[in-house]
């Protein structure tokens, strides 16, 4: 008979063995190509005009940082992945390796905009609310927050794609995300559920894509949810 300490050690070793294969999977193995991500994210640049500096939380390969730089908008990136940091530094961008809550807490009122794409679904509800509160505090009055997350109304997302990332915790439907943002003091200025462009389906896949769009309506072909919100500007006293 094994004692309790031996059993605990065995369980820990087994867990480590289960974890080790996942370490070899790239963060981007199931994601879109850089060109696809660039075409999707290009639409957000205009919302941050005049908002520098902009903080890109979960900046990944630095694609949105590149788009902001092309638009003449000052920006910095934040990520905790060595793979992401290396990719951004290779492009010459300013990036910091920090946990988001720690970094936001140390930089109150610093940013004119925060872009947060495919990050909040990695948090449980309580952590997500705390994160949104920190985002609100880190923005200047009038600052903008853009949240992008997988759209759970889309059957391809909730049926498979969302679960390909083992670090996803839960999906956030648009109505819930809007209410969460408002609860911490933001005003929602725009929402959308989108693919980006019908051409992204690819020429060969287009007939099948259009048929499924016709058949399934709002429940297919819109894999992303976006919520854009703004921090209030205090009224001037007369």
C-alpha atoms as a PDB file:
ATOM      1  CA  UNK A   1       0.000   0.000   0.000  1.00  0.00           C
ATOM      2  CA  UNK A   2       1.360   3.449  -0.954  1.00  0.00           C
ATOM      3  CA  UNK A   3       1.269   6.237   1.601  1.00  0.00           C
ATOM      4  CA  UNK A   4      -0.550   9.522   0.923  1.00  0.00           C
ATOM      5  CA  UNK A   5       2.625  11.403   0.001  1.00  0.00           C
ATOM      6  CA  UNK A   6       3.569   8.747  -2.547  1.00  0.00           C
ATOM      7  CA  UNK A   7       0.120   8.868  -4.096  1.00  0.00           C
ATOM      8  CA  UNK A   8       0.226  12.664  -4.294  1.00  0.00           C
ATOM      9  CA  UNK A   9       3.637  12.561  -5.984  1.00  0.00           C
ATOM     10  CA  UNK A  10       2.392   9.980  -8.484  1.00  0.00           C
ATOM     11  CA  UNK A  11      -0.663  12.096  -9.301  1.00  0.00           C
ATOM     12  CA  UNK A  12       1.537  15.173  -9.775  1.00  0.00           C
ATOM     13  CA  UNK A  13       3.831  13.273 -12.149  1.00  0.00           C
ATOM     14  CA  UNK A  14       0.852  12.003 -14.125  1.00  0.00           C
ATOM     15  CA  UNK A  15      -0.536  15.534 -14.411  1.00  0.00           C
ATOM     16  CA  UNK A  16       2.841  16.825 -15.602  1.00  0.00           C
ATOM     17  CA  UNK A  17       2.939  14.118 -18.267  1.00  0.00           C
ATOM     18  CA  UNK A  18      -0.510  15.136 -19.459  1.00  0.00           C
ATOM     19  CA  UNK A  19       0.511  18.777 -19.564  1.00  0.00           C
ATOM     20  CA  UNK A  20       3.797  18.312 -21.424  1.00  0.00           C
ATOM     21  CA  UNK A  21       2.340  17.504 -24.873  1.00  0.00           C
ATOM     22  CA  UNK A  22       0.352  20.767 -24.795  1.00  0.00           C
ATOM     23  CA  UNK A  23       3.548  22.783 -24.329  1.00  0.00           C
ATOM     24  CA  UNK A  24       4.627  21.789 -27.829  1.00  0.00           C
ATOM     25  CA  UNK A  25       1.478  23.269 -29.423  1.00  0.00           C
ATOM     26  CA  UNK A  26       1.977  26.757 -30.795  1.00  0.00           C
ATOM     27  CA  UNK A  27      -0.363  29.481 -29.605  1.00  0.00           C
ATOM     28  CA  UNK A  28      -1.194  30.099 -33.248  1.00  0.00           C
ATOM     29  CA  UNK A  29      -1.679  26.522 -34.450  1.00  0.00           C
ATOM     30  CA  UNK A  30      -5.466  26.852 -34.675  1.00  0.00           C
ATOM     31  CA  UNK A  31      -5.565  30.599 -35.333  1.00  0.00           C
ATOM     32  CA  UNK A  32      -5.885  32.420 -38.626  1.00  0.00           C
ATOM     33  CA  UNK A  33      -2.992  33.427 -40.838  1.00  0.00           C
ATOM     34  CA  UNK A  34      -1.335  36.784 -40.254  1.00  0.00           C
ATOM     35  CA  UNK A  35      -2.931  38.121 -43.428  1.00  0.00           C
ATOM     36  CA  UNK A  36      -6.391  37.049 -42.262  1.00  0.00           C
ATOM     37  CA  UNK A  37      -5.923  38.589 -38.803  1.00  0.00           C
ATOM     38  CA  UNK A  38      -4.601  41.776 -40.399  1.00  0.00           C
ATOM     39  CA  UNK A  39      -7.660  42.112 -42.626  1.00  0.00           C
ATOM     40  CA  UNK A  40      -9.994  41.500 -39.688  1.00  0.00           C
ATOM     41  CA  UNK A  41      -8.281  43.905 -37.297  1.00  0.00           C
ATOM     42  CA  UNK A  42      -7.754  46.724 -39.793  1.00  0.00           C
ATOM     43  CA  UNK A  43     -11.329  47.883 -39.184  1.00  0.00           C
ATOM     44  CA  UNK A  44     -10.523  48.872 -35.591  1.00  0.00           C
ATOM     45  CA  UNK A  45      -7.680  51.291 -36.281  1.00  0.00           C
ATOM     46  CA  UNK A  46      -9.991  54.227 -37.088  1.00  0.00           C
ATOM     47  CA  UNK A  47     -11.606  53.995 -33.655  1.00  0.00           C
ATOM     48  CA  UNK A  48      -8.281  54.804 -31.983  1.00  0.00           C
ATOM     49  CA  UNK A  49      -7.332  57.844 -34.049  1.00  0.00           C
ATOM     50  CA  UNK A  50      -6.099  60.519 -31.658  1.00  0.00           C
ATOM     51  CA  UNK A  51      -6.162  58.100 -28.706  1.00  0.00           C
ATOM     52  CA  UNK A  52      -2.465  57.397 -28.249  1.00  0.00           C
ATOM     53  CA  UNK A  53      -0.965  55.790 -26.421  1.00  0.00           C
ATOM     54  CA  UNK A  54      -3.031  52.672 -27.083  1.00  0.00           C
ATOM     55  CA  UNK A  55      -2.442  49.496 -25.082  1.00  0.00           C
ATOM     56  CA  UNK A  56      -2.856  46.207 -26.962  1.00  0.00           C
ATOM     57  CA  UNK A  57      -3.531  43.567 -24.312  1.00  0.00           C
ATOM     58  CA  UNK A  58      -2.693  40.096 -25.549  1.00  0.00           C
ATOM     59  CA  UNK A  59      -0.826  41.591 -28.505  1.00  0.00           C
ATOM     60  CA  UNK A  60       0.175  38.201 -29.911  1.00  0.00           C
ATOM     61  CA  UNK A  61       2.286  38.500 -33.040  1.00  0.00           C
ATOM     62  CA  UNK A  62       1.986  42.293 -33.028  1.00  0.00           C
ATOM     63  CA  UNK A  63      -0.349  42.591 -35.996  1.00  0.00           C
ATOM     64  CA  UNK A  64      -2.559  45.276 -34.444  1.00  0.00           C
ATOM     65  CA  UNK A  65       0.524  47.121 -33.200  1.00  0.00           C
ATOM     66  CA  UNK A  66       1.698  47.153 -36.807  1.00  0.00           C
ATOM     67  CA  UNK A  67      -1.649  48.504 -38.001  1.00  0.00           C
ATOM     68  CA  UNK A  68      -1.643  51.236 -35.361  1.00  0.00           C
ATOM     69  CA  UNK A  69       1.913  52.226 -36.263  1.00  0.00           C
ATOM     70  CA  UNK A  70       0.902  52.451 -39.935  1.00  0.00           C
ATOM     71  CA  UNK A  71      -1.893  54.800 -38.848  1.00  0.00           C
ATOM     72  CA  UNK A  72       0.509  57.001 -36.908  1.00  0.00           C
ATOM     73  CA  UNK A  73      -0.934  55.963 -33.533  1.00  0.00           C
ATOM     74  CA  UNK A  74       1.418  55.449 -30.592  1.00  0.00           C
ATOM     75  CA  UNK A  75       0.971  52.023 -29.037  1.00  0.00           C
ATOM     76  CA  UNK A  76       2.526  49.459 -26.718  1.00  0.00           C
ATOM     77  CA  UNK A  77       1.822  45.764 -26.394  1.00  0.00           C
ATOM     78  CA  UNK A  78       1.283  43.508 -23.422  1.00  0.00           C
ATOM     79  CA  UNK A  79       1.575  39.727 -23.328  1.00  0.00           C
ATOM     80  CA  UNK A  80       2.846  36.997 -21.028  1.00  0.00           C
ATOM     81  CA  UNK A  81       3.832  34.531 -23.767  1.00  0.00           C
ATOM     82  CA  UNK A  82       7.551  34.322 -24.657  1.00  0.00           C
ATOM     83  CA  UNK A  83       6.517  33.308 -28.177  1.00  0.00           C
ATOM     84  CA  UNK A  84       4.438  36.473 -28.574  1.00  0.00           C
ATOM     85  CA  UNK A  85       7.075  38.750 -27.027  1.00  0.00           C
ATOM     86  CA  UNK A  86       9.743  37.386 -29.383  1.00  0.00           C
ATOM     87  CA  UNK A  87       7.491  37.904 -32.416  1.00  0.00           C
ATOM     88  CA  UNK A  88       6.744  41.523 -31.453  1.00  0.00           C
ATOM     89  CA  UNK A  89      10.328  42.399 -30.617  1.00  0.00           C
ATOM     90  CA  UNK A  90      11.413  40.992 -33.970  1.00  0.00           C
ATOM     91  CA  UNK A  91       9.086  43.562 -35.557  1.00  0.00           C
ATOM     92  CA  UNK A  92      10.572  46.360 -33.471  1.00  0.00           C
ATOM     93  CA  UNK A  93       7.544  47.026 -31.257  1.00  0.00           C
ATOM     94  CA  UNK A  94       7.510  48.048 -27.608  1.00  0.00           C
ATOM     95  CA  UNK A  95       6.070  45.157 -25.637  1.00  0.00           C
ATOM     96  CA  UNK A  96       6.016  44.195 -21.978  1.00  0.00           C
ATOM     97  CA  UNK A  97       5.849  40.733 -20.480  1.00  0.00           C
ATOM     98  CA  UNK A  98       3.386  41.187 -17.641  1.00  0.00           C
ATOM     99  CA  UNK A  99       0.086  39.839 -16.433  1.00  0.00           C
ATOM    100  CA  UNK A 100      -2.617  42.282 -17.504  1.00  0.00           C
ATOM    101  CA  UNK A 101      -4.031  42.965 -14.036  1.00  0.00           C
ATOM    102  CA  UNK A 102      -0.616  43.756 -12.603  1.00  0.00           C
ATOM    103  CA  UNK A 103       0.301  46.106 -15.449  1.00  0.00           C
ATOM    104  CA  UNK A 104      -3.052  47.929 -15.518  1.00  0.00           C
ATOM    105  CA  UNK A 105      -2.985  48.443 -11.767  1.00  0.00           C
ATOM    106  CA  UNK A 106       0.395  50.194 -12.057  1.00  0.00           C
ATOM    107  CA  UNK A 107      -0.698  52.538 -14.863  1.00  0.00           C
ATOM    108  CA  UNK A 108      -3.880  54.405 -13.860  1.00  0.00           C
ATOM    109  CA  UNK A 109      -5.152  56.994 -16.334  1.00  0.00           C
ATOM    110  CA  UNK A 110      -2.261  56.431 -18.732  1.00  0.00           C
ATOM    111  CA  UNK A 111      -3.920  55.281 -21.947  1.00  0.00           C
ATOM    112  CA  UNK A 112      -6.241  56.822 -24.503  1.00  0.00           C
ATOM    113  CA  UNK A 113      -7.308  53.427 -25.782  1.00  0.00           C
ATOM    114  CA  UNK A 114      -7.172  49.730 -24.939  1.00  0.00           C
ATOM    115  CA  UNK A 115      -7.531  46.987 -27.535  1.00  0.00           C
ATOM    116  CA  UNK A 116      -8.250  43.524 -26.143  1.00  0.00           C
ATOM    117  CA  UNK A 117      -8.762  40.823 -28.761  1.00  0.00           C
ATOM    118  CA  UNK A 118      -9.482  37.220 -27.765  1.00  0.00           C
ATOM    119  CA  UNK A 119      -8.404  37.624 -24.148  1.00  0.00           C
ATOM    120  CA  UNK A 120     -11.501  37.850 -21.955  1.00  0.00           C
ATOM    121  CA  UNK A 121     -12.634  34.324 -22.824  1.00  0.00           C
ATOM    122  CA  UNK A 122      -9.565  33.097 -20.946  1.00  0.00           C
ATOM    123  CA  UNK A 123     -11.096  34.427 -17.695  1.00  0.00           C
ATOM    124  CA  UNK A 124     -13.914  33.361 -15.427  1.00  0.00           C
ATOM    125  CA  UNK A 125     -16.676  35.869 -14.755  1.00  0.00           C
ATOM    126  CA  UNK A 126     -15.278  37.347 -11.524  1.00  0.00           C
ATOM    127  CA  UNK A 127     -11.804  37.742 -13.009  1.00  0.00           C
ATOM    128  CA  UNK A 128     -13.286  39.307 -16.143  1.00  0.00           C
ATOM    129  CA  UNK A 129     -15.194  41.884 -14.101  1.00  0.00           C
ATOM    130  CA  UNK A 130     -12.067  42.770 -12.141  1.00  0.00           C
ATOM    131  CA  UNK A 131     -10.156  43.046 -15.423  1.00  0.00           C
ATOM    132  CA  UNK A 132     -12.731  45.443 -16.904  1.00  0.00           C
ATOM    133  CA  UNK A 133     -12.577  47.606 -13.777  1.00  0.00           C
ATOM    134  CA  UNK A 134      -8.796  47.844 -14.183  1.00  0.00           C
ATOM    135  CA  UNK A 135      -9.176  48.741 -17.857  1.00  0.00           C
ATOM    136  CA  UNK A 136     -11.554  51.534 -16.889  1.00  0.00           C
ATOM    137  CA  UNK A 137      -9.073  52.854 -14.327  1.00  0.00           C
ATOM    138  CA  UNK A 138      -6.147  52.696 -16.771  1.00  0.00           C
ATOM    139  CA  UNK A 139      -7.917  54.853 -19.368  1.00  0.00           C
ATOM    140  CA  UNK A 140      -7.988  58.633 -19.465  1.00  0.00           C
ATOM    141  CA  UNK A 141     -11.419  60.286 -19.449  1.00  0.00           C
ATOM    142  CA  UNK A 142     -12.882  59.746 -22.905  1.00  0.00           C
ATOM    143  CA  UNK A 143     -10.622  56.750 -23.479  1.00  0.00           C
ATOM    144  CA  UNK A 144     -11.883  53.841 -25.585  1.00  0.00           C
ATOM    145  CA  UNK A 145     -11.993  50.124 -24.937  1.00  0.00           C
ATOM    146  CA  UNK A 146     -12.436  47.610 -27.761  1.00  0.00           C
ATOM    147  CA  UNK A 147     -13.188  44.014 -26.773  1.00  0.00           C
ATOM    148  CA  UNK A 148     -13.167  41.216 -29.343  1.00  0.00           C
ATOM    149  CA  UNK A 149     -14.114  37.663 -28.392  1.00  0.00           C
ATOM    150  CA  UNK A 150     -15.456  34.514 -30.083  1.00  0.00           C
ATOM    151  CA  UNK A 151     -19.176  34.745 -30.851  1.00  0.00           C
ATOM    152  CA  UNK A 152     -20.946  31.842 -29.089  1.00  0.00           C
ATOM    153  CA  UNK A 153     -24.054  32.335 -31.251  1.00  0.00           C
ATOM    154  CA  UNK A 154     -22.067  31.010 -34.217  1.00  0.00           C
ATOM    155  CA  UNK A 155     -22.442  27.221 -34.270  1.00  0.00           C
ATOM    156  CA  UNK A 156     -18.955  26.635 -35.679  1.00  0.00           C
ATOM    157  CA  UNK A 157     -17.508  28.584 -32.762  1.00  0.00           C
ATOM    158  CA  UNK A 158     -19.443  27.027 -29.902  1.00  0.00           C
ATOM    159  CA  UNK A 159     -19.457  23.581 -31.543  1.00  0.00           C
ATOM    160  CA  UNK A 160     -15.704  23.251 -32.072  1.00  0.00           C
ATOM    161  CA  UNK A 161     -13.442  26.257 -32.632  1.00  0.00           C
ATOM    162  CA  UNK A 162     -13.803  27.755 -29.153  1.00  0.00           C
ATOM    163  CA  UNK A 163     -12.721  24.485 -27.543  1.00  0.00           C
ATOM    164  CA  UNK A 164      -9.587  24.031 -29.658  1.00  0.00           C
ATOM    165  CA  UNK A 165      -7.820  26.362 -27.241  1.00  0.00           C
ATOM    166  CA  UNK A 166      -7.433  24.466 -23.939  1.00  0.00           C
ATOM    167  CA  UNK A 167      -6.894  27.749 -22.076  1.00  0.00           C
ATOM    168  CA  UNK A 168     -10.368  29.091 -22.900  1.00  0.00           C
ATOM    169  CA  UNK A 169     -12.506  29.267 -19.756  1.00  0.00           C
ATOM    170  CA  UNK A 170     -15.940  30.370 -20.982  1.00  0.00           C
ATOM    171  CA  UNK A 171     -17.585  32.256 -23.859  1.00  0.00           C
ATOM    172  CA  UNK A 172     -19.098  35.726 -23.375  1.00  0.00           C
ATOM    173  CA  UNK A 173     -22.292  36.431 -25.351  1.00  0.00           C
ATOM    174  CA  UNK A 174     -22.635  39.992 -26.587  1.00  0.00           C
ATOM    175  CA  UNK A 175     -25.531  40.913 -24.299  1.00  0.00           C
ATOM    176  CA  UNK A 176     -23.613  39.771 -21.223  1.00  0.00           C
ATOM    177  CA  UNK A 177     -20.421  41.512 -22.332  1.00  0.00           C
ATOM    178  CA  UNK A 178     -22.285  44.779 -22.885  1.00  0.00           C
ATOM    179  CA  UNK A 179     -23.814  44.611 -19.423  1.00  0.00           C
ATOM    180  CA  UNK A 180     -20.453  43.855 -17.822  1.00  0.00           C
ATOM    181  CA  UNK A 181     -18.823  46.815 -19.549  1.00  0.00           C
ATOM    182  CA  UNK A 182     -21.617  49.149 -18.489  1.00  0.00           C
ATOM    183  CA  UNK A 183     -21.480  47.868 -14.912  1.00  0.00           C
ATOM    184  CA  UNK A 184     -17.914  49.151 -14.443  1.00  0.00           C
ATOM    185  CA  UNK A 185     -18.713  52.614 -15.800  1.00  0.00           C
ATOM    186  CA  UNK A 186     -18.263  52.463 -19.570  1.00  0.00           C
ATOM    187  CA  UNK A 187     -20.763  53.653 -22.161  1.00  0.00           C
ATOM    188  CA  UNK A 188     -21.177  51.196 -25.053  1.00  0.00           C
ATOM    189  CA  UNK A 189     -20.819  53.088 -28.336  1.00  0.00           C
ATOM    190  CA  UNK A 190     -20.813  50.249 -30.877  1.00  0.00           C
ATOM    191  CA  UNK A 191     -21.356  46.488 -31.142  1.00  0.00           C
ATOM    192  CA  UNK A 192     -20.917  44.053 -33.981  1.00  0.00           C
ATOM    193  CA  UNK A 193     -20.820  40.351 -34.811  1.00  0.00           C
ATOM    194  CA  UNK A 194     -18.786  39.779 -37.921  1.00  0.00           C
ATOM    195  CA  UNK A 195     -16.543  37.653 -40.057  1.00  0.00           C
ATOM    196  CA  UNK A 196     -14.608  40.550 -41.477  1.00  0.00           C
ATOM    197  CA  UNK A 197     -15.335  40.103 -45.171  1.00  0.00           C
ATOM    198  CA  UNK A 198     -17.185  37.439 -47.175  1.00  0.00           C
ATOM    199  CA  UNK A 199     -14.038  37.025 -49.306  1.00  0.00           C
ATOM    200  CA  UNK A 200     -12.337  35.490 -46.280  1.00  0.00           C
ATOM    201  CA  UNK A 201     -14.338  32.326 -46.827  1.00  0.00           C
ATOM    202  CA  UNK A 202     -12.142  31.618 -49.844  1.00  0.00           C
ATOM    203  CA  UNK A 203     -13.230  31.177 -53.435  1.00  0.00           C
ATOM    204  CA  UNK A 204     -13.555  27.396 -53.224  1.00  0.00           C
ATOM    205  CA  UNK A 205     -15.523  27.510 -49.987  1.00  0.00           C
ATOM    206  CA  UNK A 206     -17.740  30.441 -50.949  1.00  0.00           C
ATOM    207  CA  UNK A 207     -20.749  28.499 -52.356  1.00  0.00           C
ATOM    208  CA  UNK A 208     -20.952  26.323 -49.234  1.00  0.00           C
ATOM    209  CA  UNK A 209     -20.455  29.343 -47.004  1.00  0.00           C
ATOM    210  CA  UNK A 210     -23.259  31.291 -48.707  1.00  0.00           C
ATOM    211  CA  UNK A 211     -25.601  28.275 -48.516  1.00  0.00           C
ATOM    212  CA  UNK A 212     -24.983  27.835 -44.793  1.00  0.00           C
ATOM    213  CA  UNK A 213     -25.420  31.573 -44.248  1.00  0.00           C
ATOM    214  CA  UNK A 214     -28.792  31.390 -45.993  1.00  0.00           C
ATOM    215  CA  UNK A 215     -29.823  28.273 -44.081  1.00  0.00           C
ATOM    216  CA  UNK A 216     -28.587  29.231 -40.606  1.00  0.00           C
ATOM    217  CA  UNK A 217     -28.805  33.027 -40.693  1.00  0.00           C
ATOM    218  CA  UNK A 218     -27.336  34.704 -37.613  1.00  0.00           C
ATOM    219  CA  UNK A 219     -26.012  31.408 -36.288  1.00  0.00           C
ATOM    220  CA  UNK A 220     -23.315  30.962 -38.939  1.00  0.00           C
ATOM    221  CA  UNK A 221     -20.585  33.042 -40.520  1.00  0.00           C
ATOM    222  CA  UNK A 222     -20.126  35.611 -37.745  1.00  0.00           C
ATOM    223  CA  UNK A 223     -17.388  34.136 -35.557  1.00  0.00           C
ATOM    224  CA  UNK A 224     -16.392  37.352 -33.774  1.00  0.00           C
ATOM    225  CA  UNK A 225     -18.161  39.582 -31.269  1.00  0.00           C
ATOM    226  CA  UNK A 226     -16.976  43.167 -30.803  1.00  0.00           C
ATOM    227  CA  UNK A 227     -17.952  45.676 -28.137  1.00  0.00           C
ATOM    228  CA  UNK A 228     -16.588  49.228 -28.299  1.00  0.00           C
ATOM    229  CA  UNK A 229     -17.028  51.374 -25.204  1.00  0.00           C
ATOM    230  CA  UNK A 230     -15.898  54.744 -23.898  1.00  0.00           C
ATOM    231  CA  UNK A 231     -14.971  56.082 -20.474  1.00  0.00           C
ATOM    232  CA  UNK A 232     -17.027  59.101 -19.496  1.00  0.00           C
ATOM    233  CA  UNK A 233     -15.595  62.621 -19.627  1.00  0.00           C
ATOM    234  CA  UNK A 234     -16.362  64.513 -16.401  1.00  0.00           C
ATOM    235  CA  UNK A 235     -18.585  67.543 -16.860  1.00  0.00           C
ATOM    236  CA  UNK A 236     -16.850  70.861 -16.307  1.00  0.00           C
ATOM    237  CA  UNK A 237     -18.137  72.799 -13.376  1.00  0.00           C
ATOM    238  CA  UNK A 238     -19.589  76.190 -14.295  1.00  0.00           C
END
